[in-house]
C-alpha atoms as a PDB file:
ATOM      1  CA  MET A   1      69.149  55.352 176.393  1.00  0.00           C
ATOM      2  CA  SER A   2      65.725  54.723 174.907  1.00  0.00           C
ATOM      3  CA  ILE A   3      66.765  54.153 171.188  1.00  0.00           C
ATOM      4  CA  ASP A   4      69.202  51.402 170.778  1.00  0.00           C
ATOM      5  CA  LEU A   5      71.217  51.482 167.416  1.00  0.00           C
ATOM      6  CA  LYS A   6      73.486  48.599 167.979  1.00  0.00           C
ATOM      7  CA  GLY A   7      73.943  46.891 164.713  1.00  0.00           C
ATOM      8  CA  PHE A   8      72.836  49.864 162.781  1.00  0.00           C
ATOM      9  CA  HIS A   9      75.458  51.155 160.196  1.00  0.00           C
ATOM     10  CA  ALA A  10      75.601  54.769 158.628  1.00  0.00           C
ATOM     11  CA  VAL A  11      77.590  56.718 156.281  1.00  0.00           C
ATOM     12  CA  ILE A  12      77.583  60.430 156.603  1.00  0.00           C
ATOM     13  CA  THR A  13      79.270  62.665 154.005  1.00  0.00           C
ATOM     14  CA  GLY A  14      80.733  65.950 155.143  1.00  0.00           C
ATOM     15  CA  GLY A  15      81.252  63.894 158.520  1.00  0.00           C
ATOM     16  CA  SER A  16      84.334  65.676 159.672  1.00  0.00           C
ATOM     17  CA  SER A  17      82.593  68.995 160.872  1.00  0.00           C
ATOM     18  CA  GLY A  18      79.446  70.841 161.332  1.00  0.00           C
ATOM     19  CA  PHE A  19      76.189  68.906 161.032  1.00  0.00           C
ATOM     20  CA  GLY A  20      77.956  65.955 159.760  1.00  0.00           C
ATOM     21  CA  PHE A  21      80.128  65.590 162.740  1.00  0.00           C
ATOM     22  CA  GLU A  22      77.285  66.418 165.253  1.00  0.00           C
ATOM     23  CA  MET A  23      74.967  63.772 163.564  1.00  0.00           C
ATOM     24  CA  ALA A  24      77.779  61.082 163.736  1.00  0.00           C
ATOM     25  CA  LYS A  25      78.105  61.796 167.510  1.00  0.00           C
ATOM     26  CA  THR A  26      74.284  61.262 167.988  1.00  0.00           C
ATOM     27  CA  LEU A  27      74.041  57.954 166.220  1.00  0.00           C
ATOM     28  CA  LEU A  28      77.269  56.789 167.852  1.00  0.00           C
ATOM     29  CA  SER A  29      76.035  57.732 171.242  1.00  0.00           C
ATOM     30  CA  HIS A  30      73.035  55.343 170.523  1.00  0.00           C
ATOM     31  CA  GLY A  31      75.192  52.376 169.554  1.00  0.00           C
ATOM     32  CA  ALA A  32      75.465  52.731 165.765  1.00  0.00           C
ATOM     33  CA  ALA A  33      78.644  52.233 163.771  1.00  0.00           C
ATOM     34  CA  VAL A  34      79.304  55.232 161.617  1.00  0.00           C
ATOM     35  CA  ALA A  35      81.558  56.101 158.756  1.00  0.00           C
ATOM     36  CA  ILE A  36      82.488  59.703 158.445  1.00  0.00           C
ATOM     37  CA  ALA A  37      83.371  60.533 154.855  1.00  0.00           C
ATOM     38  CA  ALA A  38      85.298  63.579 153.715  1.00  0.00           C
ATOM     39  CA  ARG A  39      88.296  64.764 151.981  1.00  0.00           C
ATOM     40  CA  PRO A  40      91.639  63.944 153.534  1.00  0.00           C
ATOM     41  CA  SER A  41      92.606  66.730 155.937  1.00  0.00           C
ATOM     42  CA  GLU A  42      93.786  67.619 159.454  1.00  0.00           C
ATOM     43  CA  LYS A  43      90.335  68.313 160.288  1.00  0.00           C
ATOM     44  CA  MET A  44      89.286  64.913 159.143  1.00  0.00           C
ATOM     45  CA  ASN A  45      91.937  63.307 161.247  1.00  0.00           C
ATOM     46  CA  LYS A  46      90.949  65.320 164.232  1.00  0.00           C
ATOM     47  CA  ALA A  47      87.255  64.453 163.877  1.00  0.00           C
ATOM     48  CA  TYR A  48      88.285  60.782 163.553  1.00  0.00           C
ATOM     49  CA  ALA A  49      90.408  60.922 166.581  1.00  0.00           C
ATOM     50  CA  ALA A  50      87.666  62.566 168.717  1.00  0.00           C
ATOM     51  CA  LEU A  51      84.841  60.258 167.676  1.00  0.00           C
ATOM     52  CA  GLY A  52      87.100  56.962 167.656  1.00  0.00           C
ATOM     53  CA  GLY A  53      88.487  57.847 170.988  1.00  0.00           C
ATOM     54  CA  GLU A  54      84.926  58.031 172.482  1.00  0.00           C
ATOM     55  CA  TRP A  55      83.498  55.162 170.545  1.00  0.00           C
ATOM     56  CA  PRO A  56      86.383  52.783 169.570  1.00  0.00           C
ATOM     57  CA  GLY A  57      85.771  50.274 166.983  1.00  0.00           C
ATOM     58  CA  ASN A  58      82.506  52.095 165.775  1.00  0.00           C
ATOM     59  CA  VAL A  59      83.979  54.669 163.741  1.00  0.00           C
ATOM     60  CA  VAL A  60      85.385  54.497 160.125  1.00  0.00           C
ATOM     61  CA  LYS A  61      87.395  57.158 158.533  1.00  0.00           C
ATOM     62  CA  LEU A  62      86.313  57.272 155.025  1.00  0.00           C
ATOM     63  CA  GLU A  63      88.372  59.513 152.941  1.00  0.00           C
ATOM     64  CA  MET A  64      86.605  60.492 149.648  1.00  0.00           C
ATOM     65  CA  ASP A  65      85.804  63.515 147.507  1.00  0.00           C
ATOM     66  CA  VAL A  66      82.046  63.568 146.524  1.00  0.00           C
ATOM     67  CA  ARG A  67      83.171  65.533 143.352  1.00  0.00           C
ATOM     68  CA  ASP A  68      85.354  62.618 141.993  1.00  0.00           C
ATOM     69  CA  ASN A  69      83.573  59.455 141.085  1.00  0.00           C
ATOM     70  CA  ASP A  70      86.511  57.196 141.276  1.00  0.00           C
ATOM     71  CA  SER A  71      87.056  58.394 144.696  1.00  0.00           C
ATOM     72  CA  VAL A  72      83.363  57.750 145.602  1.00  0.00           C
ATOM     73  CA  VAL A  73      83.360  54.347 144.095  1.00  0.00           C
ATOM     74  CA  ALA A  74      86.423  53.461 145.802  1.00  0.00           C
ATOM     75  CA  ALA A  75      84.922  54.499 149.197  1.00  0.00           C
ATOM     76  CA  ALA A  76      81.812  52.404 148.745  1.00  0.00           C
ATOM     77  CA  LYS A  77      83.965  49.437 147.924  1.00  0.00           C
ATOM     78  CA  ILE A  78      85.677  49.940 151.356  1.00  0.00           C
ATOM     79  CA  ILE A  79      82.336  50.041 153.171  1.00  0.00           C
ATOM     80  CA  GLU A  80      81.121  47.002 151.310  1.00  0.00           C
ATOM     81  CA  LYS A  81      84.130  45.148 152.613  1.00  0.00           C
ATOM     82  CA  GLU A  82      84.308  46.471 155.923  1.00  0.00           C
ATOM     83  CA  TRP A  83      80.506  46.062 156.899  1.00  0.00           C
ATOM     84  CA  ASP A  84      77.943  43.340 156.131  1.00  0.00           C
ATOM     85  CA  ARG A  85      75.168  45.915 155.794  1.00  0.00           C
ATOM     86  CA  LEU A  86      74.350  49.714 155.285  1.00  0.00           C
ATOM     87  CA  ASP A  87      71.376  50.951 156.999  1.00  0.00           C
ATOM     88  CA  MET A  88      71.620  54.646 156.425  1.00  0.00           C
ATOM     89  CA  PHE A  89      73.320  57.005 153.953  1.00  0.00           C
ATOM     90  CA  VAL A  90      73.415  60.868 154.751  1.00  0.00           C
ATOM     91  CA  ASN A  91      74.140  63.029 151.760  1.00  0.00           C
ATOM     92  CA  ASN A  92      75.559  66.022 153.862  1.00  0.00           C
ATOM     93  CA  ALA A  93      78.812  67.294 152.309  1.00  0.00           C
ATOM     94  CA  GLY A  94      78.572  70.814 151.043  1.00  0.00           C
ATOM     95  CA  ILE A  95      80.384  74.054 150.424  1.00  0.00           C
ATOM     96  CA  GLY A  96      78.745  77.669 151.072  1.00  0.00           C
ATOM     97  CA  MET A  97      78.160  80.829 149.115  1.00  0.00           C
ATOM     98  CA  ARG A  98      81.434  82.440 150.272  1.00  0.00           C
ATOM     99  CA  ASP A  99      83.323  79.932 148.172  1.00  0.00           C
ATOM    100  CA  ALA A 100      81.893  81.508 144.970  1.00  0.00           C
ATOM    101  CA  ASN A 101      80.769  84.972 145.887  1.00  0.00           C
ATOM    102  CA  LYS A 102      83.109  86.930 148.314  1.00  0.00           C
ATOM    103  CA  GLY A 103      80.552  89.769 148.625  1.00  0.00           C
ATOM    104  CA  PHE A 104      77.913  87.452 149.999  1.00  0.00           C
ATOM    105  CA  PRO A 105      75.804  88.375 152.171  1.00  0.00           C
ATOM    106  CA  GLY A 106      76.054  92.198 152.333  1.00  0.00           C
ATOM    107  CA  ASN A 107      77.208  92.876 148.648  1.00  0.00           C
ATOM    108  CA  PRO A 108      76.952  89.828 146.584  1.00  0.00           C
ATOM    109  CA  SER A 109      78.177  89.884 142.877  1.00  0.00           C
ATOM    110  CA  PRO A 110      75.736  89.392 140.151  1.00  0.00           C
ATOM    111  CA  PHE A 111      75.676  86.007 138.535  1.00  0.00           C
ATOM    112  CA  TYR A 112      77.841  87.324 135.423  1.00  0.00           C
ATOM    113  CA  GLU A 113      80.570  88.104 137.879  1.00  0.00           C
ATOM    114  CA  ILE A 114      80.809  84.756 139.635  1.00  0.00           C
ATOM    115  CA  PRO A 115      84.006  82.952 138.695  1.00  0.00           C
ATOM    116  CA  VAL A 116      83.299  79.896 136.598  1.00  0.00           C
ATOM    117  CA  LYS A 117      85.366  77.506 138.675  1.00  0.00           C
ATOM    118  CA  ALA A 118      83.799  78.456 141.811  1.00  0.00           C
ATOM    119  CA  PHE A 119      80.365  77.933 140.231  1.00  0.00           C
ATOM    120  CA  TYR A 120      81.419  74.420 139.221  1.00  0.00           C
ATOM    121  CA  ASP A 121      82.812  73.763 142.621  1.00  0.00           C
ATOM    122  CA  ILE A 122      79.599  74.337 144.392  1.00  0.00           C
ATOM    123  CA  VAL A 123      77.468  72.649 141.875  1.00  0.00           C
ATOM    124  CA  GLU A 124      79.733  69.608 141.814  1.00  0.00           C
ATOM    125  CA  THR A 125      79.623  69.390 145.653  1.00  0.00           C
ATOM    126  CA  ASN A 126      76.123  70.241 146.524  1.00  0.00           C
ATOM    127  CA  PHE A 127      74.376  68.658 143.594  1.00  0.00           C
ATOM    128  CA  ILE A 128      76.511  66.312 141.384  1.00  0.00           C
ATOM    129  CA  GLY A 129      78.291  65.008 144.586  1.00  0.00           C
ATOM    130  CA  TYR A 130      74.827  64.166 146.026  1.00  0.00           C
ATOM    131  CA  PHE A 131      74.180  61.925 142.749  1.00  0.00           C
ATOM    132  CA  LEU A 132      77.528  60.379 142.607  1.00  0.00           C
ATOM    133  CA  ALA A 133      77.486  59.481 146.303  1.00  0.00           C
ATOM    134  CA  ALA A 134      73.860  58.138 146.364  1.00  0.00           C
ATOM    135  CA  ARG A 135      74.638  56.167 143.118  1.00  0.00           C
ATOM    136  CA  ALA A 136      77.521  54.411 144.772  1.00  0.00           C
ATOM    137  CA  PHE A 137      76.115  53.717 148.339  1.00  0.00           C
ATOM    138  CA  VAL A 138      72.500  53.095 147.802  1.00  0.00           C
ATOM    139  CA  PRO A 139      73.043  49.783 146.040  1.00  0.00           C
ATOM    140  CA  LEU A 140      74.775  48.536 149.165  1.00  0.00           C
ATOM    141  CA  MET A 141      71.558  48.579 150.949  1.00  0.00           C
ATOM    142  CA  PHE A 142      70.061  46.158 148.543  1.00  0.00           C
ATOM    143  CA  ARG A 143      71.941  43.499 150.460  1.00  0.00           C
ATOM    144  CA  ASN A 144      69.899  43.933 153.672  1.00  0.00           C
ATOM    145  CA  GLY A 145      66.509  44.574 151.708  1.00  0.00           C
ATOM    146  CA  GLY A 146      66.153  48.082 152.611  1.00  0.00           C
ATOM    147  CA  GLY A 147      67.751  51.278 154.235  1.00  0.00           C
ATOM    148  CA  ARG A 148      67.384  54.928 154.709  1.00  0.00           C
ATOM    149  CA  VAL A 149      68.642  57.887 152.578  1.00  0.00           C
ATOM    150  CA  VAL A 150      68.803  61.406 154.178  1.00  0.00           C
ATOM    151  CA  THR A 151      69.432  64.451 151.969  1.00  0.00           C
ATOM    152  CA  VAL A 152      70.614  67.605 153.864  1.00  0.00           C
ATOM    153  CA  SER A 153      69.220  70.613 152.086  1.00  0.00           C
ATOM    154  CA  THR A 154      68.322  74.213 152.679  1.00  0.00           C
ATOM    155  CA  GLY A 155      65.227  76.438 152.897  1.00  0.00           C
ATOM    156  CA  ILE A 156      63.130  77.034 149.902  1.00  0.00           C
ATOM    157  CA  ARG A 157      63.516  80.912 150.117  1.00  0.00           C
ATOM    158  CA  THR A 158      67.384  80.391 149.938  1.00  0.00           C
ATOM    159  CA  MET A 159      66.996  78.451 146.606  1.00  0.00           C
ATOM    160  CA  THR A 160      65.835  81.514 144.773  1.00  0.00           C
ATOM    161  CA  MET A 161      67.122  84.398 146.949  1.00  0.00           C
ATOM    162  CA  LEU A 162      69.154  87.116 145.328  1.00  0.00           C
ATOM    163  CA  GLY A 163      72.739  86.473 145.895  1.00  0.00           C
ATOM    164  CA  GLN A 164      72.458  82.632 146.395  1.00  0.00           C
ATOM    165  CA  LEU A 165      73.502  81.442 142.937  1.00  0.00           C
ATOM    166  CA  PRO A 166      74.735  78.744 142.594  1.00  0.00           C
ATOM    167  CA  TYR A 167      74.286  77.399 146.248  1.00  0.00           C
ATOM    168  CA  GLY A 168      70.471  77.811 146.319  1.00  0.00           C
ATOM    169  CA  PRO A 169      69.789  76.159 142.842  1.00  0.00           C
ATOM    170  CA  ALA A 170      72.246  73.303 143.635  1.00  0.00           C
ATOM    171  CA  ARG A 171      70.520  72.603 146.826  1.00  0.00           C
ATOM    172  CA  ALA A 172      67.091  72.833 145.028  1.00  0.00           C
ATOM    173  CA  GLY A 173      68.426  70.242 142.465  1.00  0.00           C
ATOM    174  CA  ALA A 174      69.441  67.898 145.059  1.00  0.00           C
ATOM    175  CA  GLU A 175      66.135  68.075 146.932  1.00  0.00           C
ATOM    176  CA  ALA A 176      64.202  67.483 143.531  1.00  0.00           C
ATOM    177  CA  MET A 177      66.460  64.504 142.992  1.00  0.00           C
ATOM    178  CA  SER A 178      65.380  63.057 146.436  1.00  0.00           C
ATOM    179  CA  VAL A 179      61.924  63.291 145.612  1.00  0.00           C
ATOM    180  CA  ILE A 180      62.621  61.147 142.398  1.00  0.00           C
ATOM    181  CA  MET A 181      64.777  58.909 144.452  1.00  0.00           C
ATOM    182  CA  SER A 182      62.139  58.233 147.003  1.00  0.00           C
ATOM    183  CA  GLU A 183      59.646  57.030 144.276  1.00  0.00           C
ATOM    184  CA  GLU A 184      62.242  54.929 142.611  1.00  0.00           C
ATOM    185  CA  LEU A 185      63.414  53.279 145.787  1.00  0.00           C
ATOM    186  CA  LYS A 186      59.980  52.497 147.445  1.00  0.00           C
ATOM    187  CA  ASP A 187      59.808  49.073 146.146  1.00  0.00           C
ATOM    188  CA  ARG A 188      63.377  48.326 147.386  1.00  0.00           C
ATOM    189  CA  GLY A 189      62.454  49.120 150.796  1.00  0.00           C
ATOM    190  CA  ILE A 190      64.546  52.276 151.001  1.00  0.00           C
ATOM    191  CA  THR A 191      63.220  55.581 152.266  1.00  0.00           C
ATOM    192  CA  VAL A 192      64.368  58.980 151.104  1.00  0.00           C
ATOM    193  CA  ASN A 193      63.740  62.106 153.306  1.00  0.00           C
ATOM    194  CA  VAL A 194      65.048  65.509 153.274  1.00  0.00           C
ATOM    195  CA  LEU A 195      66.454  67.268 156.393  1.00  0.00           C
ATOM    196  CA  LEU A 196      67.399  70.960 156.840  1.00  0.00           C
ATOM    197  CA  PRO A 197      68.209  73.251 159.610  1.00  0.00           C
ATOM    198  CA  GLY A 198      65.692  75.988 159.125  1.00  0.00           C
ATOM    199  CA  GLY A 199      68.163  78.934 159.149  1.00  0.00           C
ATOM    200  CA  ALA A 200      71.661  79.916 159.177  1.00  0.00           C
ATOM    201  CA  SER A 201      73.486  77.561 161.586  1.00  0.00           C
ATOM    202  CA  ASN A 202      76.915  77.719 163.498  1.00  0.00           C
ATOM    203  CA  THR A 203      78.936  75.795 161.358  1.00  0.00           C
ATOM    204  CA  GLY A 204      81.837  76.360 158.830  1.00  0.00           C
ATOM    205  CA  PHE A 205      79.085  77.737 156.198  1.00  0.00           C
ATOM    206  CA  VAL A 206      79.184  80.825 158.334  1.00  0.00           C
ATOM    207  CA  PRO A 207      83.030  81.931 158.191  1.00  0.00           C
ATOM    208  CA  GLU A 208      84.311  84.256 160.911  1.00  0.00           C
ATOM    209  CA  GLU A 209      84.507  87.214 158.654  1.00  0.00           C
ATOM    210  CA  ILE A 210      80.799  87.371 158.161  1.00  0.00           C
ATOM    211  CA  ARG A 211      79.658  85.596 161.503  1.00  0.00           C
ATOM    212  CA  GLU A 212      78.673  89.078 162.983  1.00  0.00           C
ATOM    213  CA  HIS A 213      76.046  89.520 160.312  1.00  0.00           C
ATOM    214  CA  PHE A 214      74.269  86.222 160.946  1.00  0.00           C
ATOM    215  CA  GLU A 215      74.833  86.440 164.686  1.00  0.00           C
ATOM    216  CA  ALA A 216      72.663  89.551 164.770  1.00  0.00           C
ATOM    217  CA  ARG A 217      69.789  87.406 163.216  1.00  0.00           C
ATOM    218  CA  GLY A 218      70.467  84.346 165.421  1.00  0.00           C
ATOM    219  CA  LEU A 219      72.528  81.354 164.499  1.00  0.00           C
ATOM    220  CA  LEU A 220      71.088  77.989 165.145  1.00  0.00           C
ATOM    221  CA  PRO A 221      73.493  75.474 166.869  1.00  0.00           C
ATOM    222  CA  ALA A 222      75.340  72.715 164.724  1.00  0.00           C
ATOM    223  CA  THR A 223      73.256  70.238 166.782  1.00  0.00           C
ATOM    224  CA  ILE A 224      70.054  71.151 165.238  1.00  0.00           C
ATOM    225  CA  LEU A 225      69.777  68.156 163.060  1.00  0.00           C
ATOM    226  CA  ASN A 226      70.607  65.765 165.736  1.00  0.00           C
ATOM    227  CA  ASP A 227      67.114  64.773 166.994  1.00  0.00           C
ATOM    228  CA  PRO A 228      65.766  64.521 163.460  1.00  0.00           C
ATOM    229  CA  ILE A 229      68.450  62.172 162.340  1.00  0.00           C
ATOM    230  CA  LEU A 230      68.196  60.101 165.544  1.00  0.00           C
ATOM    231  CA  PHE A 231      64.333  59.912 164.595  1.00  0.00           C
ATOM    232  CA  LEU A 232      64.906  58.901 160.969  1.00  0.00           C
ATOM    233  CA  ALA A 233      67.364  56.146 162.177  1.00  0.00           C
ATOM    234  CA  SER A 234      64.758  54.901 164.738  1.00  0.00           C
ATOM    235  CA  ASP A 235      62.126  52.230 164.394  1.00  0.00           C
ATOM    236  CA  GLN A 236      59.464  54.834 164.418  1.00  0.00           C
ATOM    237  CA  ALA A 237      60.553  56.243 161.051  1.00  0.00           C
ATOM    238  CA  ALA A 238      60.437  52.873 159.476  1.00  0.00           C
ATOM    239  CA  GLY A 239      58.672  53.142 155.942  1.00  0.00           C
ATOM    240  CA  MET A 240      58.340  56.816 156.319  1.00  0.00           C
ATOM    241  CA  THR A 241      59.586  58.320 152.849  1.00  0.00           C
ATOM    242  CA  GLY A 242      59.396  61.654 150.893  1.00  0.00           C
ATOM    243  CA  GLU A 243      59.222  63.861 154.048  1.00  0.00           C
ATOM    244  CA  ARG A 244      60.932  67.272 154.389  1.00  0.00           C
ATOM    245  CA  ILE A 245      61.934  67.753 158.095  1.00  0.00           C
ATOM    246  CA  ILE A 246      63.027  71.245 159.238  1.00  0.00           C
ATOM    247  CA  GLY A 247      65.329  70.912 162.352  1.00  0.00           C
ATOM    248  CA  LYS A 248      64.231  74.127 163.906  1.00  0.00           C
ATOM    249  CA  GLU A 249      60.567  73.077 163.579  1.00  0.00           C
ATOM    250  CA  PHE A 250      61.106  69.370 164.559  1.00  0.00           C
ATOM    251  CA  ASN A 251      58.944  69.291 167.577  1.00  0.00           C
ATOM    252  CA  GLU A 252      55.987  70.966 165.772  1.00  0.00           C
ATOM    253  CA  TRP A 253      56.524  68.377 162.811  1.00  0.00           C
ATOM    254  CA  LEU A 254      56.131  65.694 165.371  1.00  0.00           C
ATOM    255  CA  ALA A 255      53.110  66.985 166.753  1.00  0.00           C
ATOM    256  CA  GLU A 256      51.557  67.522 163.429  1.00  0.00           C
ATOM    257  CA  LYS A 257      52.237  63.795 162.772  1.00  0.00           C
ATOM    258  CA  SER A 258      50.856  62.845 166.262  1.00  0.00           C
ATOM    259  CA  ILE A 259      54.267  61.141 166.978  1.00  0.00           C
ATOM    260  CA  THR A 260      55.731  60.876 170.365  1.00  0.00           C
ATOM    261  CA  PHE A 261      59.379  60.559 170.092  1.00  0.00           C
ATOM    262  CA  GLU A 262      61.395  59.181 172.909  1.00  0.00           C
ATOM    263  CA  ARG A 263      65.054  60.375 172.577  1.00  0.00           C
END
């Protein structure tokens, strides 16, 4: 194991499945302590059992709803009490287009037919939730004089694509917020970078009823963000901020930066 993350502490929202679960596994496998944050559910319990069984003592089950500020603040207080430092915070929790638009992707409804509650749910999870969570957890990094924030986003094309309202604009808002955060946190020694898969991926965002549509175009694995998150946690990423890293193109990005990354 070339990268040693012993003593490194990370919180990952949406950590009970998909990208979040896989990123947690990667950081844990290199010695980090990881809190997987998600709403209480059987899925959360199973994820915690699986990770805690393999890395006992290094996993925290952090029950919280990113849409509920009281829930987020309470979760941050748990981490503040549980750990003496926070090195990485990953804003990854999200819900997909099918939650608002049942006709997506083949026959999406126009914006004026999208249920208001469904619209709010996506915006509150994928944008406002990113703000609430960062607002609560980032100050914990002040104690150790620095840290790393990672915003999981989507492709630029998706942000304005027909049928992607409100998912695309919500992700665009979260990404724009990350750019501002990276400037505001520079003097605090906290980096903020954006990470995205680079295409539809084999996660819960692609439910069974529309999986065939995406499989025909090629689904990326749920592990597509594992190498990039490991890099962003490593010493090689120290001080690197304001970057936008596409998982599918990670090796090309490394080459462009003349970085040799030893996993």
